[in-house]
Amino acid sequence: MRINYGNQFNAAYPNVESSTAAMRLWLTNLKDFSADLIQKVAEEVIRNERYLPNLATFRQYCENAYSLFGLPDSHRAYIEACRAPQPKANFNWTHPAIYYAGKATDWFFLSSEPEDKVFPIFKHNYQMLCERVIKGETLDDPIPKALPQETTTPLSGEANLQHLKALRDELEL
């Protein structure tokens, strides 16, 4: 930011003390975002803003940054995960990170507990997955398990006993 905004930056932070105080303030107010996200946002801000942004503007960019990667915000992702019908793997997710966050949180837990209890856990899982996406990792769409080629009918009790006797004889038990 100092290099890109030059004189504006130097006018806003003319000495080491004011620069250090500003860094502490920004660090405190941006601690809920990953370093990778902040770096991507800084690049986006430099591309789009003619003037040195204030903390509120930068934070707003951070809150909207998930959209740069096709990710909805945490609460919209939570609502989508809660409303998705069964089977979850077949649902057309906005982004695979929502599916994996729901799976990590536990689908039953999502559907049976109140939002104030579940959302913080879902949000943590979702943000971890979002950070992986931001770092360049691709999350594949969930693949539903295929049905077996053949279905077998269970053996009767008598047939099971005969099969067990044959196994014992074979193993000399």
C-alpha atoms as a PDB file:
ATOM      1  CA  MET A   1       0.000   0.000   0.000  1.00  0.00           C
ATOM      2  CA  ARG A   2       2.860   2.363   0.816  1.00  0.00           C
ATOM      3  CA  ILE A   3       4.362   1.861  -2.652  1.00  0.00           C
ATOM      4  CA  ASN A   4       1.092   2.107  -4.571  1.00  0.00           C
ATOM      5  CA  TYR A   5      -0.425   5.044  -2.704  1.00  0.00           C
ATOM      6  CA  GLY A   6       2.897   6.874  -2.080  1.00  0.00           C
ATOM      7  CA  ASN A   7       2.150  10.440  -0.995  1.00  0.00           C
ATOM      8  CA  GLN A   8      -1.322   9.574   0.303  1.00  0.00           C
ATOM      9  CA  PHE A   9       0.156   6.899   2.530  1.00  0.00           C
ATOM     10  CA  ASN A  10       2.928   9.191   3.767  1.00  0.00           C
ATOM     11  CA  ALA A  11       0.413  11.965   4.498  1.00  0.00           C
ATOM     12  CA  ALA A  12      -1.840   9.578   6.427  1.00  0.00           C
ATOM     13  CA  TYR A  13       1.047   7.993   8.344  1.00  0.00           C
ATOM     14  CA  PRO A  14       3.817  10.606   8.479  1.00  0.00           C
ATOM     15  CA  ASN A  15       5.969   8.930  11.129  1.00  0.00           C
ATOM     16  CA  VAL A  16       6.804   5.540  12.589  1.00  0.00           C
ATOM     17  CA  GLU A  17       4.514   5.999  15.603  1.00  0.00           C
ATOM     18  CA  SER A  18       1.400   6.719  13.549  1.00  0.00           C
ATOM     19  CA  SER A  19       2.268   3.935  11.105  1.00  0.00           C
ATOM     20  CA  THR A  20       2.736   1.458  13.979  1.00  0.00           C
ATOM     21  CA  ALA A  21      -0.518   2.535  15.636  1.00  0.00           C
ATOM     22  CA  ALA A  22      -2.373   2.122  12.337  1.00  0.00           C
ATOM     23  CA  MET A  23      -0.894  -1.337  11.802  1.00  0.00           C
ATOM     24  CA  ARG A  24      -2.046  -2.391  15.290  1.00  0.00           C
ATOM     25  CA  LEU A  25      -5.528  -1.031  14.619  1.00  0.00           C
ATOM     26  CA  TRP A  26      -5.772  -2.809  11.264  1.00  0.00           C
ATOM     27  CA  LEU A  27      -4.384  -6.032  12.742  1.00  0.00           C
ATOM     28  CA  THR A  28      -6.952  -5.997  15.536  1.00  0.00           C
ATOM     29  CA  ASN A  29      -9.848  -5.310  13.167  1.00  0.00           C
ATOM     30  CA  LEU A  30      -8.812  -7.773  10.451  1.00  0.00           C
ATOM     31  CA  LYS A  31      -7.867 -10.706  12.712  1.00  0.00           C
ATOM     32  CA  ASP A  32     -10.901 -12.751  11.658  1.00  0.00           C
ATOM     33  CA  PHE A  33      -9.591 -12.939   8.063  1.00  0.00           C
ATOM     34  CA  SER A  34      -6.733 -15.134   6.863  1.00  0.00           C
ATOM     35  CA  ALA A  35      -3.448 -13.621   5.720  1.00  0.00           C
ATOM     36  CA  ASP A  36      -3.992 -15.057   2.214  1.00  0.00           C
ATOM     37  CA  LEU A  37      -7.393 -13.413   1.982  1.00  0.00           C
ATOM     38  CA  ILE A  38      -6.011 -10.051   3.161  1.00  0.00           C
ATOM     39  CA  GLN A  39      -3.248 -10.259   0.554  1.00  0.00           C
ATOM     40  CA  LYS A  40      -5.744 -11.007  -2.248  1.00  0.00           C
ATOM     41  CA  VAL A  41      -7.970  -8.178  -1.034  1.00  0.00           C
ATOM     42  CA  ALA A  42      -5.028  -5.758  -0.955  1.00  0.00           C
ATOM     43  CA  GLU A  43      -4.319  -6.616  -4.597  1.00  0.00           C
ATOM     44  CA  GLU A  44      -8.007  -6.094  -5.437  1.00  0.00           C
ATOM     45  CA  VAL A  45      -8.095  -2.752  -3.598  1.00  0.00           C
ATOM     46  CA  ILE A  46      -4.980  -1.536  -5.413  1.00  0.00           C
ATOM     47  CA  ARG A  47      -6.583  -2.452  -8.767  1.00  0.00           C
ATOM     48  CA  ASN A  48      -9.897  -0.723  -7.974  1.00  0.00           C
ATOM     49  CA  GLU A  49      -9.320   2.173  -5.575  1.00  0.00           C
ATOM     50  CA  ARG A  50      -7.699   5.417  -6.680  1.00  0.00           C
ATOM     51  CA  TYR A  51      -7.283   6.642  -3.131  1.00  0.00           C
ATOM     52  CA  LEU A  52      -5.831   5.023  -0.012  1.00  0.00           C
ATOM     53  CA  PRO A  53      -8.723   3.104   1.561  1.00  0.00           C
ATOM     54  CA  ASN A  54      -9.676   3.470   5.189  1.00  0.00           C
ATOM     55  CA  LEU A  55     -10.113   0.475   7.475  1.00  0.00           C
ATOM     56  CA  ALA A  56     -13.886   0.290   6.969  1.00  0.00           C
ATOM     57  CA  THR A  57     -13.521   0.178   3.182  1.00  0.00           C
ATOM     58  CA  PHE A  58     -10.796  -2.467   3.389  1.00  0.00           C
ATOM     59  CA  ARG A  59     -12.875  -4.555   5.807  1.00  0.00           C
ATOM     60  CA  GLN A  60     -15.852  -4.322   3.443  1.00  0.00           C
ATOM     61  CA  TYR A  61     -13.647  -5.650   0.640  1.00  0.00           C
ATOM     62  CA  CYS A  62     -12.602  -8.532   2.930  1.00  0.00           C
ATOM     63  CA  GLU A  63     -16.206  -9.384   3.776  1.00  0.00           C
ATOM     64  CA  ASN A  64     -17.106  -9.476   0.087  1.00  0.00           C
ATOM     65  CA  ALA A  65     -13.899 -11.213  -1.038  1.00  0.00           C
ATOM     66  CA  TYR A  66     -15.331 -14.719  -1.018  1.00  0.00           C
ATOM     67  CA  SER A  67     -17.357 -13.736  -4.068  1.00  0.00           C
ATOM     68  CA  LEU A  68     -14.073 -13.335  -5.973  1.00  0.00           C
ATOM     69  CA  PHE A  69     -13.731 -17.128  -5.671  1.00  0.00           C
ATOM     70  CA  GLY A  70     -17.392 -18.018  -6.264  1.00  0.00           C
ATOM     71  CA  LEU A  71     -18.011 -18.532  -2.542  1.00  0.00           C
ATOM     72  CA  PRO A  72     -21.081 -17.119  -0.793  1.00  0.00           C
ATOM     73  CA  ASP A  73     -20.686 -15.489   2.622  1.00  0.00           C
ATOM     74  CA  SER A  74     -20.777 -17.771   5.669  1.00  0.00           C
ATOM     75  CA  HIS A  75     -24.408 -17.170   6.594  1.00  0.00           C
ATOM     76  CA  ARG A  76     -25.743 -17.691   3.058  1.00  0.00           C
ATOM     77  CA  ALA A  77     -23.700 -20.913   2.886  1.00  0.00           C
ATOM     78  CA  TYR A  78     -25.179 -22.017   6.230  1.00  0.00           C
ATOM     79  CA  ILE A  79     -28.746 -21.381   5.012  1.00  0.00           C
ATOM     80  CA  GLU A  80     -28.047 -23.328   1.818  1.00  0.00           C
ATOM     81  CA  ALA A  81     -26.607 -26.255   3.800  1.00  0.00           C
ATOM     82  CA  CYS A  82     -29.626 -26.308   6.121  1.00  0.00           C
ATOM     83  CA  ARG A  83     -32.173 -26.172   3.298  1.00  0.00           C
ATOM     84  CA  ALA A  84     -30.532 -28.685   0.947  1.00  0.00           C
ATOM     85  CA  PRO A  85     -32.666 -31.792   0.415  1.00  0.00           C
ATOM     86  CA  GLN A  86     -31.526 -35.373   0.726  1.00  0.00           C
ATOM     87  CA  PRO A  87     -29.422 -36.882  -0.736  1.00  0.00           C
ATOM     88  CA  LYS A  88     -27.023 -34.018  -0.041  1.00  0.00           C
ATOM     89  CA  ALA A  89     -24.399 -35.248  -2.515  1.00  0.00           C
ATOM     90  CA  ASN A  90     -26.876 -34.891  -5.396  1.00  0.00           C
ATOM     91  CA  PHE A  91     -27.871 -31.303  -4.591  1.00  0.00           C
ATOM     92  CA  ASN A  92     -26.667 -28.578  -6.984  1.00  0.00           C
ATOM     93  CA  TRP A  93     -24.444 -26.649  -4.527  1.00  0.00           C
ATOM     94  CA  THR A  94     -23.431 -23.034  -5.139  1.00  0.00           C
ATOM     95  CA  HIS A  95     -19.885 -24.189  -4.292  1.00  0.00           C
ATOM     96  CA  PRO A  96     -18.567 -27.602  -3.129  1.00  0.00           C
ATOM     97  CA  ALA A  97     -17.139 -25.929   0.008  1.00  0.00           C
ATOM     98  CA  ILE A  98     -20.686 -25.634   1.363  1.00  0.00           C
ATOM     99  CA  TYR A  99     -21.257 -29.371   1.011  1.00  0.00           C
ATOM    100  CA  TYR A 100     -17.957 -30.239   2.684  1.00  0.00           C
ATOM    101  CA  ALA A 101     -18.569 -27.723   5.498  1.00  0.00           C
ATOM    102  CA  GLY A 102     -22.002 -29.252   6.092  1.00  0.00           C
ATOM    103  CA  LYS A 103     -20.542 -32.730   6.053  1.00  0.00           C
ATOM    104  CA  ALA A 104     -17.788 -31.725   8.506  1.00  0.00           C
ATOM    105  CA  THR A 105     -20.345 -30.073  10.783  1.00  0.00           C
ATOM    106  CA  ASP A 106     -22.621 -33.148  10.561  1.00  0.00           C
ATOM    107  CA  TRP A 107     -25.879 -33.048   8.662  1.00  0.00           C
ATOM    108  CA  PHE A 108     -27.943 -34.282  11.612  1.00  0.00           C
ATOM    109  CA  PHE A 109     -26.416 -31.651  13.913  1.00  0.00           C
ATOM    110  CA  LEU A 110     -27.215 -28.968  11.300  1.00  0.00           C
ATOM    111  CA  SER A 111     -30.841 -30.018  11.053  1.00  0.00           C
ATOM    112  CA  SER A 112     -31.566 -30.718  14.720  1.00  0.00           C
ATOM    113  CA  GLU A 113     -29.921 -27.893  16.690  1.00  0.00           C
ATOM    114  CA  PRO A 114     -30.644 -24.153  16.812  1.00  0.00           C
ATOM    115  CA  GLU A 115     -28.672 -21.728  14.659  1.00  0.00           C
ATOM    116  CA  ASP A 116     -26.918 -20.028  17.579  1.00  0.00           C
ATOM    117  CA  LYS A 117     -25.373 -23.375  18.502  1.00  0.00           C
ATOM    118  CA  VAL A 118     -24.620 -24.757  15.017  1.00  0.00           C
ATOM    119  CA  PHE A 119     -23.676 -21.680  12.991  1.00  0.00           C
ATOM    120  CA  PRO A 120     -20.351 -20.951  14.767  1.00  0.00           C
ATOM    121  CA  ILE A 121     -19.195 -24.527  14.113  1.00  0.00           C
ATOM    122  CA  PHE A 122     -20.378 -24.460  10.506  1.00  0.00           C
ATOM    123  CA  LYS A 123     -18.761 -21.039   9.996  1.00  0.00           C
ATOM    124  CA  HIS A 124     -15.415 -22.320  11.311  1.00  0.00           C
ATOM    125  CA  ASN A 125     -15.513 -25.352   8.999  1.00  0.00           C
ATOM    126  CA  TYR A 126     -16.635 -23.240   6.038  1.00  0.00           C
ATOM    127  CA  GLN A 127     -13.943 -20.607   6.565  1.00  0.00           C
ATOM    128  CA  MET A 128     -11.250 -23.300   6.737  1.00  0.00           C
ATOM    129  CA  LEU A 129     -12.475 -24.665   3.405  1.00  0.00           C
ATOM    130  CA  CYS A 130     -12.690 -21.149   1.938  1.00  0.00           C
ATOM    131  CA  GLU A 131      -9.066 -20.538   2.894  1.00  0.00           C
ATOM    132  CA  ARG A 132      -8.096 -23.709   1.045  1.00  0.00           C
ATOM    133  CA  VAL A 133      -9.994 -22.466  -2.032  1.00  0.00           C
ATOM    134  CA  ILE A 134      -8.340 -19.040  -1.772  1.00  0.00           C
ATOM    135  CA  LYS A 135      -4.912 -20.715  -1.642  1.00  0.00           C
ATOM    136  CA  GLY A 136      -5.726 -22.385  -4.957  1.00  0.00           C
ATOM    137  CA  GLU A 137      -6.959 -25.816  -3.904  1.00  0.00           C
ATOM    138  CA  THR A 138      -9.905 -27.136  -5.862  1.00  0.00           C
ATOM    139  CA  LEU A 139     -12.664 -28.936  -4.040  1.00  0.00           C
ATOM    140  CA  ASP A 140     -14.289 -31.490  -6.257  1.00  0.00           C
ATOM    141  CA  ASP A 141     -18.038 -31.796  -6.417  1.00  0.00           C
ATOM    142  CA  PRO A 142     -19.268 -34.595  -4.177  1.00  0.00           C
ATOM    143  CA  ILE A 143     -19.617 -37.870  -6.032  1.00  0.00           C
ATOM    144  CA  PRO A 144     -22.564 -40.012  -4.986  1.00  0.00           C
ATOM    145  CA  LYS A 145     -21.745 -43.629  -4.277  1.00  0.00           C
ATOM    146  CA  ALA A 146     -22.736 -46.004  -7.036  1.00  0.00           C
ATOM    147  CA  LEU A 147     -25.047 -48.882  -6.398  1.00  0.00           C
ATOM    148  CA  PRO A 148     -23.459 -52.323  -6.551  1.00  0.00           C
ATOM    149  CA  GLN A 149     -23.734 -54.219  -9.851  1.00  0.00           C
ATOM    150  CA  GLU A 150     -25.468 -57.155  -8.205  1.00  0.00           C
ATOM    151  CA  THR A 151     -27.755 -57.339  -5.237  1.00  0.00           C
ATOM    152  CA  THR A 152     -27.775 -60.448  -3.130  1.00  0.00           C
ATOM    153  CA  THR A 153     -30.515 -61.766  -0.933  1.00  0.00           C
ATOM    154  CA  PRO A 154     -29.526 -62.728   2.587  1.00  0.00           C
ATOM    155  CA  LEU A 155     -29.168 -66.414   3.379  1.00  0.00           C
ATOM    156  CA  SER A 156     -31.699 -68.145   5.574  1.00  0.00           C
ATOM    157  CA  GLY A 157     -30.729 -69.042   9.136  1.00  0.00           C
ATOM    158  CA  GLU A 158     -30.229 -72.708   8.179  1.00  0.00           C
ATOM    159  CA  ALA A 159     -28.068 -71.790   5.163  1.00  0.00           C
ATOM    160  CA  ASN A 160     -25.960 -69.482   7.375  1.00  0.00           C
ATOM    161  CA  LEU A 161     -25.371 -72.323   9.828  1.00  0.00           C
ATOM    162  CA  GLN A 162     -24.334 -74.655   7.004  1.00  0.00           C
ATOM    163  CA  HIS A 163     -21.963 -71.992   5.631  1.00  0.00           C
ATOM    164  CA  LEU A 164     -20.486 -71.435   9.111  1.00  0.00           C
ATOM    165  CA  LYS A 165     -20.002 -75.220   9.585  1.00  0.00           C
ATOM    166  CA  ALA A 166     -18.229 -75.442   6.211  1.00  0.00           C
ATOM    167  CA  LEU A 167     -15.901 -72.571   7.204  1.00  0.00           C
ATOM    168  CA  ARG A 168     -15.092 -74.245  10.539  1.00  0.00           C
ATOM    169  CA  ASP A 169     -14.344 -77.525   8.819  1.00  0.00           C
ATOM    170  CA  GLU A 170     -12.127 -75.757   6.306  1.00  0.00           C
ATOM    171  CA  LEU A 171     -10.205 -73.946   9.025  1.00  0.00           C
ATOM    172  CA  GLU A 172     -10.162 -77.077  11.239  1.00  0.00           C
ATOM    173  CA  LEU A 173     -11.851 -75.356  14.219  1.00  0.00           C
END
